[in-house]
PDB file of N, CA and C in Angstrom:
ATOM      1  N   LYS A   1      80.747  59.510 159.877  1.00  0.00           N
ATOM      2  CA  LYS A   1      80.566  59.921 158.503  1.00  0.00           C
ATOM      3  C   LYS A   1      81.953  60.318 157.951  1.00  0.00           C
ATOM      4  N   ARG A   2      82.236  59.835 156.768  1.00  0.00           N
ATOM      5  CA  ARG A   2      83.489  60.153 156.110  1.00  0.00           C
ATOM      6  C   ARG A   2      83.472  61.513 155.505  1.00  0.00           C
ATOM      7  N   LEU A   3      84.491  62.297 155.788  1.00  0.00           N
ATOM      8  CA  LEU A   3      84.628  63.591 155.114  1.00  0.00           C
ATOM      9  C   LEU A   3      85.003  63.433 153.667  1.00  0.00           C
ATOM     10  N   GLU A   4      84.362  64.229 152.829  1.00  0.00           N
ATOM     11  CA  GLU A   4      84.669  64.147 151.437  1.00  0.00           C
ATOM     12  C   GLU A   4      85.806  65.079 151.038  1.00  0.00           C
ATOM     13  N   ILE A   5      87.015  64.637 151.410  1.00  0.00           N
ATOM     14  CA  ILE A   5      88.236  65.423 151.129  1.00  0.00           C
ATOM     15  C   ILE A   5      89.325  64.547 150.653  1.00  0.00           C
ATOM     16  N   SER A   6      90.257  65.185 149.981  1.00  0.00           N
ATOM     17  CA  SER A   6      91.517  64.506 149.569  1.00  0.00           C
ATOM     18  C   SER A   6      92.605  65.605 149.497  1.00  0.00           C
ATOM     19  N   GLY A   7      93.707  65.280 148.942  1.00  0.00           N
ATOM     20  CA  GLY A   7      94.765  66.287 148.740  1.00  0.00           C
ATOM     21  C   GLY A   7      95.720  66.292 149.907  1.00  0.00           C
ATOM     22  N   GLY A   8      96.183  67.541 150.244  1.00  0.00           N
ATOM     23  CA  GLY A   8      97.241  67.680 151.237  1.00  0.00           C
ATOM     24  C   GLY A   8      96.654  68.002 152.655  1.00  0.00           C
ATOM     25  N   LEU A   9      97.571  68.690 153.407  1.00  0.00           N
ATOM     26  CA  LEU A   9      97.278  68.994 154.771  1.00  0.00           C
ATOM     27  C   LEU A   9      96.720  70.443 155.002  1.00  0.00           C
ATOM     28  N   GLY A  10      96.676  71.166 153.879  1.00  0.00           N
ATOM     29  CA  GLY A  10      96.079  72.471 154.014  1.00  0.00           C
ATOM     30  C   GLY A  10      97.046  73.613 154.486  1.00  0.00           C
ATOM     31  N   THR A  11      98.308  73.344 154.531  1.00  0.00           N
ATOM     32  CA  THR A  11      99.283  74.338 155.051  1.00  0.00           C
ATOM     33  C   THR A  11      99.636  75.397 154.013  1.00  0.00           C
ATOM     34  N   SER A  12      99.305  75.220 152.772  1.00  0.00           N
ATOM     35  CA  SER A  12      99.569  76.197 151.690  1.00  0.00           C
ATOM     36  C   SER A  12      98.656  75.902 150.516  1.00  0.00           C
ATOM     37  N   ILE A  13      98.616  76.766 149.528  1.00  0.00           N
ATOM     38  CA  ILE A  13      97.880  76.505 148.340  1.00  0.00           C
ATOM     39  C   ILE A  13      98.411  75.274 147.666  1.00  0.00           C
ATOM     40  N   GLU A  14      99.689  75.034 147.658  1.00  0.00           N
ATOM     41  CA  GLU A  14     100.267  73.878 146.994  1.00  0.00           C
ATOM     42  C   GLU A  14      99.877  72.584 147.747  1.00  0.00           C
ATOM     43  N   ASP A  15      99.585  72.688 149.002  1.00  0.00           N
ATOM     44  CA  ASP A  15      99.247  71.575 149.800  1.00  0.00           C
ATOM     45  C   ASP A  15      97.808  71.581 150.295  1.00  0.00           C
ATOM     46  N   ALA A  16      96.894  72.233 149.463  1.00  0.00           N
ATOM     47  CA  ALA A  16      95.548  72.453 149.906  1.00  0.00           C
ATOM     48  C   ALA A  16      94.780  71.147 150.098  1.00  0.00           C
ATOM     49  N   ILE A  17      93.824  71.178 151.019  1.00  0.00           N
ATOM     50  CA  ILE A  17      92.799  70.144 151.215  1.00  0.00           C
ATOM     51  C   ILE A  17      91.818  70.331 150.087  1.00  0.00           C
ATOM     52  N   VAL A  18      91.555  69.270 149.345  1.00  0.00           N
ATOM     53  CA  VAL A  18      90.623  69.285 148.285  1.00  0.00           C
ATOM     54  C   VAL A  18      89.223  68.925 148.784  1.00  0.00           C
ATOM     55  N   VAL A  19      88.220  69.775 148.655  1.00  0.00           N
ATOM     56  CA  VAL A  19      86.816  69.381 149.043  1.00  0.00           C
ATOM     57  C   VAL A  19      86.243  68.680 147.888  1.00  0.00           C
ATOM     58  N   ASP A  20      85.910  67.374 148.071  1.00  0.00           N
ATOM     59  CA  ASP A  20      85.482  66.505 146.981  1.00  0.00           C
ATOM     60  C   ASP A  20      83.928  66.350 146.975  1.00  0.00           C
ATOM     61  N   THR A  21      83.221  67.417 147.169  1.00  0.00           N
ATOM     62  CA  THR A  21      81.695  67.363 147.099  1.00  0.00           C
ATOM     63  C   THR A  21      81.269  68.580 146.320  1.00  0.00           C
ATOM     64  N   LYS A  22      80.121  68.424 145.701  1.00  0.00           N
ATOM     65  CA  LYS A  22      79.467  69.521 144.963  1.00  0.00           C
ATOM     66  C   LYS A  22      78.471  70.288 145.865  1.00  0.00           C
ATOM     67  N   PHE A  23      78.239  69.683 147.027  1.00  0.00           N
ATOM     68  CA  PHE A  23      77.145  70.222 147.916  1.00  0.00           C
ATOM     69  C   PHE A  23      77.714  70.471 149.304  1.00  0.00           C
ATOM     70  N   ASP A  24      77.344  71.613 149.922  1.00  0.00           N
ATOM     71  CA  ASP A  24      77.744  71.992 151.301  1.00  0.00           C
ATOM     72  C   ASP A  24      79.303  71.890 151.467  1.00  0.00           C
ATOM     73  N   GLY A  25      79.997  72.466 150.548  1.00  0.00           N
ATOM     74  CA  GLY A  25      81.480  72.462 150.624  1.00  0.00           C
ATOM     75  C   GLY A  25      81.962  73.300 151.829  1.00  0.00           C
ATOM     76  N   VAL A  26      81.318  74.386 152.141  1.00  0.00           N
ATOM     77  CA  VAL A  26      81.734  75.153 153.316  1.00  0.00           C
ATOM     78  C   VAL A  26      81.478  74.365 154.556  1.00  0.00           C
ATOM     79  N   GLY A  27      80.365  73.605 154.670  1.00  0.00           N
ATOM     80  CA  GLY A  27      80.147  72.762 155.777  1.00  0.00           C
ATOM     81  C   GLY A  27      81.238  71.754 155.972  1.00  0.00           C
ATOM     82  N   VAL A  28      81.742  71.159 154.894  1.00  0.00           N
ATOM     83  CA  VAL A  28      82.836  70.291 154.921  1.00  0.00           C
ATOM     84  C   VAL A  28      84.149  70.929 155.432  1.00  0.00           C
ATOM     85  N   GLU A  29      84.378  72.178 155.011  1.00  0.00           N
ATOM     86  CA  GLU A  29      85.520  72.943 155.508  1.00  0.00           C
ATOM     87  C   GLU A  29      85.467  73.071 157.005  1.00  0.00           C
ATOM     88  N   TYR A  30      84.279  73.435 157.538  1.00  0.00           N
ATOM     89  CA  TYR A  30      84.127  73.652 158.977  1.00  0.00           C
ATOM     90  C   TYR A  30      84.269  72.371 159.752  1.00  0.00           C
ATOM     91  N   GLN A  31      83.811  71.224 159.149  1.00  0.00           N
ATOM     92  CA  GLN A  31      84.008  69.934 159.772  1.00  0.00           C
ATOM     93  C   GLN A  31      85.522  69.573 159.933  1.00  0.00           C
ATOM     94  N   VAL A  32      86.246  69.872 158.846  1.00  0.00           N
ATOM     95  CA  VAL A  32      87.706  69.641 158.844  1.00  0.00           C
ATOM     96  C   VAL A  32      88.369  70.497 159.918  1.00  0.00           C
ATOM     97  N   ILE A  33      87.946  71.794 160.050  1.00  0.00           N
ATOM     98  CA  ILE A  33      88.533  72.646 161.047  1.00  0.00           C
ATOM     99  C   ILE A  33      88.227  72.128 162.434  1.00  0.00           C
ATOM    100  N   ARG A  34      87.004  71.664 162.694  1.00  0.00           N
ATOM    101  CA  ARG A  34      86.701  71.082 164.005  1.00  0.00           C
ATOM    102  C   ARG A  34      87.596  69.927 164.282  1.00  0.00           C
ATOM    103  N   TYR A  35      87.763  69.043 163.283  1.00  0.00           N
ATOM    104  CA  TYR A  35      88.650  67.883 163.449  1.00  0.00           C
ATOM    105  C   TYR A  35      90.099  68.251 163.657  1.00  0.00           C
ATOM    106  N   LEU A  36      90.631  69.134 162.857  1.00  0.00           N
ATOM    107  CA  LEU A  36      92.054  69.467 162.942  1.00  0.00           C
ATOM    108  C   LEU A  36      92.415  70.106 164.250  1.00  0.00           C
ATOM    109  N   PHE A  37      91.436  70.932 164.787  1.00  0.00           N
ATOM    110  CA  PHE A  37      91.782  71.664 166.036  1.00  0.00           C
ATOM    111  C   PHE A  37      90.955  71.156 167.241  1.00  0.00           C
ATOM    112  N   ASP A  38      90.533  69.953 167.124  1.00  0.00           N
ATOM    113  CA  ASP A  38      89.912  69.239 168.231  1.00  0.00           C
ATOM    114  C   ASP A  38      88.758  70.068 168.783  1.00  0.00           C
ATOM    115  N   GLY A  39      88.009  70.739 167.968  1.00  0.00           N
ATOM    116  CA  GLY A  39      86.852  71.591 168.361  1.00  0.00           C
ATOM    117  C   GLY A  39      87.202  72.891 169.016  1.00  0.00           C
ATOM    118  N   GLN A  40      88.557  73.212 169.028  1.00  0.00           N
ATOM    119  CA  GLN A  40      89.055  74.438 169.780  1.00  0.00           C
ATOM    120  C   GLN A  40      89.331  75.550 168.793  1.00  0.00           C
ATOM    121  N   GLY A  41      89.208  75.349 167.504  1.00  0.00           N
ATOM    122  CA  GLY A  41      89.545  76.384 166.531  1.00  0.00           C
ATOM    123  C   GLY A  41      88.380  77.284 166.203  1.00  0.00           C
ATOM    124  N   LYS A  42      88.641  78.570 166.148  1.00  0.00           N
ATOM    125  CA  LYS A  42      87.600  79.551 165.804  1.00  0.00           C
ATOM    126  C   LYS A  42      87.976  80.220 164.491  1.00  0.00           C
ATOM    127  N   VAL A  43      87.136  80.098 163.487  1.00  0.00           N
ATOM    128  CA  VAL A  43      87.398  80.779 162.211  1.00  0.00           C
ATOM    129  C   VAL A  43      87.214  82.280 162.444  1.00  0.00           C
ATOM    130  N   ILE A  44      88.337  83.033 162.170  1.00  0.00           N
ATOM    131  CA  ILE A  44      88.253  84.500 162.313  1.00  0.00           C
ATOM    132  C   ILE A  44      88.167  85.193 161.039  1.00  0.00           C
ATOM    133  N   SER A  45      88.474  84.546 159.942  1.00  0.00           N
ATOM    134  CA  SER A  45      88.290  85.138 158.635  1.00  0.00           C
ATOM    135  C   SER A  45      88.360  84.000 157.557  1.00  0.00           C
ATOM    136  N   GLN A  46      87.685  84.275 156.433  1.00  0.00           N
ATOM    137  CA  GLN A  46      87.634  83.389 155.336  1.00  0.00           C
ATOM    138  C   GLN A  46      87.789  84.226 154.092  1.00  0.00           C
ATOM    139  N   SER A  47      88.694  83.849 153.195  1.00  0.00           N
ATOM    140  CA  SER A  47      88.856  84.658 151.985  1.00  0.00           C
ATOM    141  C   SER A  47      88.990  83.731 150.765  1.00  0.00           C
ATOM    142  N   LEU A  48      88.451  84.254 149.647  1.00  0.00           N
ATOM    143  CA  LEU A  48      88.527  83.508 148.376  1.00  0.00           C
ATOM    144  C   LEU A  48      89.738  83.928 147.677  1.00  0.00           C
ATOM    145  N   MET A  49      90.488  82.958 147.112  1.00  0.00           N
ATOM    146  CA  MET A  49      91.705  83.181 146.334  1.00  0.00           C
ATOM    147  C   MET A  49      91.593  82.359 144.982  1.00  0.00           C
ATOM    148  N   SER A  50      92.291  82.883 143.995  1.00  0.00           N
ATOM    149  CA  SER A  50      92.405  82.126 142.770  1.00  0.00           C
ATOM    150  C   SER A  50      93.856  82.137 142.397  1.00  0.00           C
ATOM    151  N   GLU A  51      94.291  80.952 141.894  1.00  0.00           N
ATOM    152  CA  GLU A  51      95.738  80.809 141.479  1.00  0.00           C
ATOM    153  C   GLU A  51      95.760  79.664 140.500  1.00  0.00           C
ATOM    154  N   ASP A  52      96.495  79.947 139.379  1.00  0.00           N
ATOM    155  CA  ASP A  52      96.693  78.955 138.272  1.00  0.00           C
ATOM    156  C   ASP A  52      95.398  78.311 137.870  1.00  0.00           C
ATOM    157  N   GLY A  53      94.284  79.060 137.754  1.00  0.00           N
ATOM    158  CA  GLY A  53      93.042  78.565 137.276  1.00  0.00           C
ATOM    159  C   GLY A  53      92.225  77.759 138.284  1.00  0.00           C
ATOM    160  N   SER A  54      92.644  77.675 139.539  1.00  0.00           N
ATOM    161  CA  SER A  54      91.894  77.030 140.601  1.00  0.00           C
ATOM    162  C   SER A  54      91.423  78.019 141.652  1.00  0.00           C
ATOM    163  N   ASN A  55      90.368  77.669 142.378  1.00  0.00           N
ATOM    164  CA  ASN A  55      89.892  78.499 143.405  1.00  0.00           C
ATOM    165  C   ASN A  55      90.068  77.907 144.778  1.00  0.00           C
ATOM    166  N   TYR A  56      90.376  78.749 145.763  1.00  0.00           N
ATOM    167  CA  TYR A  56      90.751  78.345 147.113  1.00  0.00           C
ATOM    168  C   TYR A  56      90.048  79.132 148.104  1.00  0.00           C
ATOM    169  N   ASP A  57      89.694  78.523 149.239  1.00  0.00           N
ATOM    170  CA  ASP A  57      89.289  79.266 150.467  1.00  0.00           C
ATOM    171  C   ASP A  57      90.507  79.234 151.420  1.00  0.00           C
ATOM    172  N   LYS A  58      90.830  80.395 152.009  1.00  0.00           N
ATOM    173  CA  LYS A  58      91.812  80.474 153.043  1.00  0.00           C
ATOM    174  C   LYS A  58      91.128  80.794 154.315  1.00  0.00           C
ATOM    175  N   LEU A  59      91.119  79.870 155.259  1.00  0.00           N
ATOM    176  CA  LEU A  59      90.537  80.207 156.551  1.00  0.00           C
ATOM    177  C   LEU A  59      91.608  80.419 157.577  1.00  0.00           C
ATOM    178  N   ARG A  60      91.431  81.508 158.330  1.00  0.00           N
ATOM    179  CA  ARG A  60      92.333  81.870 159.454  1.00  0.00           C
ATOM    180  C   ARG A  60      91.707  81.429 160.739  1.00  0.00           C
ATOM    181  N   ILE A  61      92.492  80.633 161.493  1.00  0.00           N
ATOM    182  CA  ILE A  61      91.933  79.954 162.700  1.00  0.00           C
ATOM    183  C   ILE A  61      92.679  80.431 163.902  1.00  0.00           C
ATOM    184  N   GLN A  62      91.953  80.780 164.949  1.00  0.00           N
ATOM    185  CA  GLN A  62      92.498  81.140 166.258  1.00  0.00           C
ATOM    186  C   GLN A  62      92.150  79.990 167.206  1.00  0.00           C
ATOM    187  N   VAL A  63      93.126  79.485 167.957  1.00  0.00           N
ATOM    188  CA  VAL A  63      92.857  78.442 168.909  1.00  0.00           C
ATOM    189  C   VAL A  63      93.026  79.017 170.316  1.00  0.00           C
ATOM    190  N   GLY A  64      91.914  78.988 171.086  1.00  0.00           N
ATOM    191  CA  GLY A  64      91.921  79.515 172.409  1.00  0.00           C
ATOM    192  C   GLY A  64      91.580  81.008 172.348  1.00  0.00           C
ATOM    193  N   GLU A  65      90.769  81.440 173.307  1.00  0.00           N
ATOM    194  CA  GLU A  65      90.264  82.808 173.311  1.00  0.00           C
ATOM    195  C   GLU A  65      91.358  83.881 173.426  1.00  0.00           C
ATOM    196  N   ASP A  66      92.380  83.576 174.197  1.00  0.00           N
ATOM    197  CA  ASP A  66      93.451  84.564 174.476  1.00  0.00           C
ATOM    198  C   ASP A  66      94.610  84.358 173.551  1.00  0.00           C
ATOM    199  N   SER A  67      94.623  83.378 172.623  1.00  0.00           N
ATOM    200  CA  SER A  67      95.719  83.011 171.832  1.00  0.00           C
ATOM    201  C   SER A  67      96.013  84.054 170.775  1.00  0.00           C
ATOM    202  N   GLU A  68      97.209  84.426 170.617  1.00  0.00           N
ATOM    203  CA  GLU A  68      97.588  85.217 169.493  1.00  0.00           C
ATOM    204  C   GLU A  68      98.101  84.417 168.284  1.00  0.00           C
ATOM    205  N   THR A  69      98.147  83.093 168.495  1.00  0.00           N
ATOM    206  CA  THR A  69      98.570  82.225 167.415  1.00  0.00           C
ATOM    207  C   THR A  69      97.421  82.021 166.421  1.00  0.00           C
ATOM    208  N   ILE A  70      97.725  82.304 165.143  1.00  0.00           N
ATOM    209  CA  ILE A  70      96.729  82.162 164.062  1.00  0.00           C
ATOM    210  C   ILE A  70      97.284  81.253 163.082  1.00  0.00           C
ATOM    211  N   TYR A  71      96.412  80.227 162.762  1.00  0.00           N
ATOM    212  CA  TYR A  71      96.727  79.192 161.741  1.00  0.00           C
ATOM    213  C   TYR A  71      95.976  79.559 160.449  1.00  0.00           C
ATOM    214  N   GLU A  72      96.583  79.230 159.270  1.00  0.00           N
ATOM    215  CA  GLU A  72      95.939  79.363 158.052  1.00  0.00           C
ATOM    216  C   GLU A  72      95.707  77.929 157.405  1.00  0.00           C
ATOM    217  N   VAL A  73      94.586  77.651 156.959  1.00  0.00           N
ATOM    218  CA  VAL A  73      94.162  76.422 156.391  1.00  0.00           C
ATOM    219  C   VAL A  73      93.634  76.690 154.933  1.00  0.00           C
ATOM    220  N   TYR A  74      94.194  76.019 153.917  1.00  0.00           N
ATOM    221  CA  TYR A  74      93.823  76.280 152.563  1.00  0.00           C
ATOM    222  C   TYR A  74      92.985  75.093 152.024  1.00  0.00           C
ATOM    223  N   PHE A  75      91.923  75.436 151.345  1.00  0.00           N
ATOM    224  CA  PHE A  75      90.988  74.396 150.699  1.00  0.00           C
ATOM    225  C   PHE A  75      90.846  74.689 149.247  1.00  0.00           C
ATOM    226  N   ASN A  76      91.090  73.669 148.415  1.00  0.00           N
ATOM    227  CA  ASN A  76      90.772  73.793 147.022  1.00  0.00           C
ATOM    228  C   ASN A  76      89.234  73.567 146.859  1.00  0.00           C
ATOM    229  N   ILE A  77      88.491  74.570 146.339  1.00  0.00           N
ATOM    230  CA  ILE A  77      87.048  74.457 146.252  1.00  0.00           C
ATOM    231  C   ILE A  77      86.533  74.389 144.871  1.00  0.00           C
ATOM    232  N   ASP A  78      87.323  73.943 143.910  1.00  0.00           N
ATOM    233  CA  ASP A  78      86.944  73.863 142.557  1.00  0.00           C
ATOM    234  C   ASP A  78      85.672  72.968 142.340  1.00  0.00           C
ATOM    235  N   LYS A  79      85.454  71.931 143.096  1.00  0.00           N
ATOM    236  CA  LYS A  79      84.375  71.001 142.843  1.00  0.00           C
ATOM    237  C   LYS A  79      82.975  71.582 143.291  1.00  0.00           C
ATOM    238  N   PHE A  80      82.994  72.592 144.201  1.00  0.00           N
ATOM    239  CA  PHE A  80      81.711  73.151 144.607  1.00  0.00           C
ATOM    240  C   PHE A  80      81.583  74.665 144.353  1.00  0.00           C
ATOM    241  N   PHE A  81      82.658  75.324 143.905  1.00  0.00           N
ATOM    242  CA  PHE A  81      82.571  76.763 143.676  1.00  0.00           C
ATOM    243  C   PHE A  81      82.154  77.003 142.255  1.00  0.00           C
ATOM    244  N   HIS A  82      81.073  77.713 142.123  1.00  0.00           N
ATOM    245  CA  HIS A  82      80.570  78.160 140.815  1.00  0.00           C
ATOM    246  C   HIS A  82      80.202  79.574 140.813  1.00  0.00           C
ATOM    247  N   PHE A  83      80.409  80.270 139.713  1.00  0.00           N
ATOM    248  CA  PHE A  83      80.058  81.680 139.612  1.00  0.00           C
ATOM    249  C   PHE A  83      78.557  81.718 139.317  1.00  0.00           C
TER     250      PHE A  83
END
């Protein structure tokens, strides 16, 4: 199944991965995380951010149980985020 995403690599807000679906956007985010980290990434926090009129999710990812290395992945969620 093709992931409904576009945009960048998710390394910053400016390079955010764009979630291109109106439904189950969070599910798409978690599928991307599984893909990017080969199933080894654990989401340790998720936060909502707004900048320049757009909305973003920032997911903090830990790879490996004992790892102190934390990755941050940014998603533009404008297409599925509604108040």
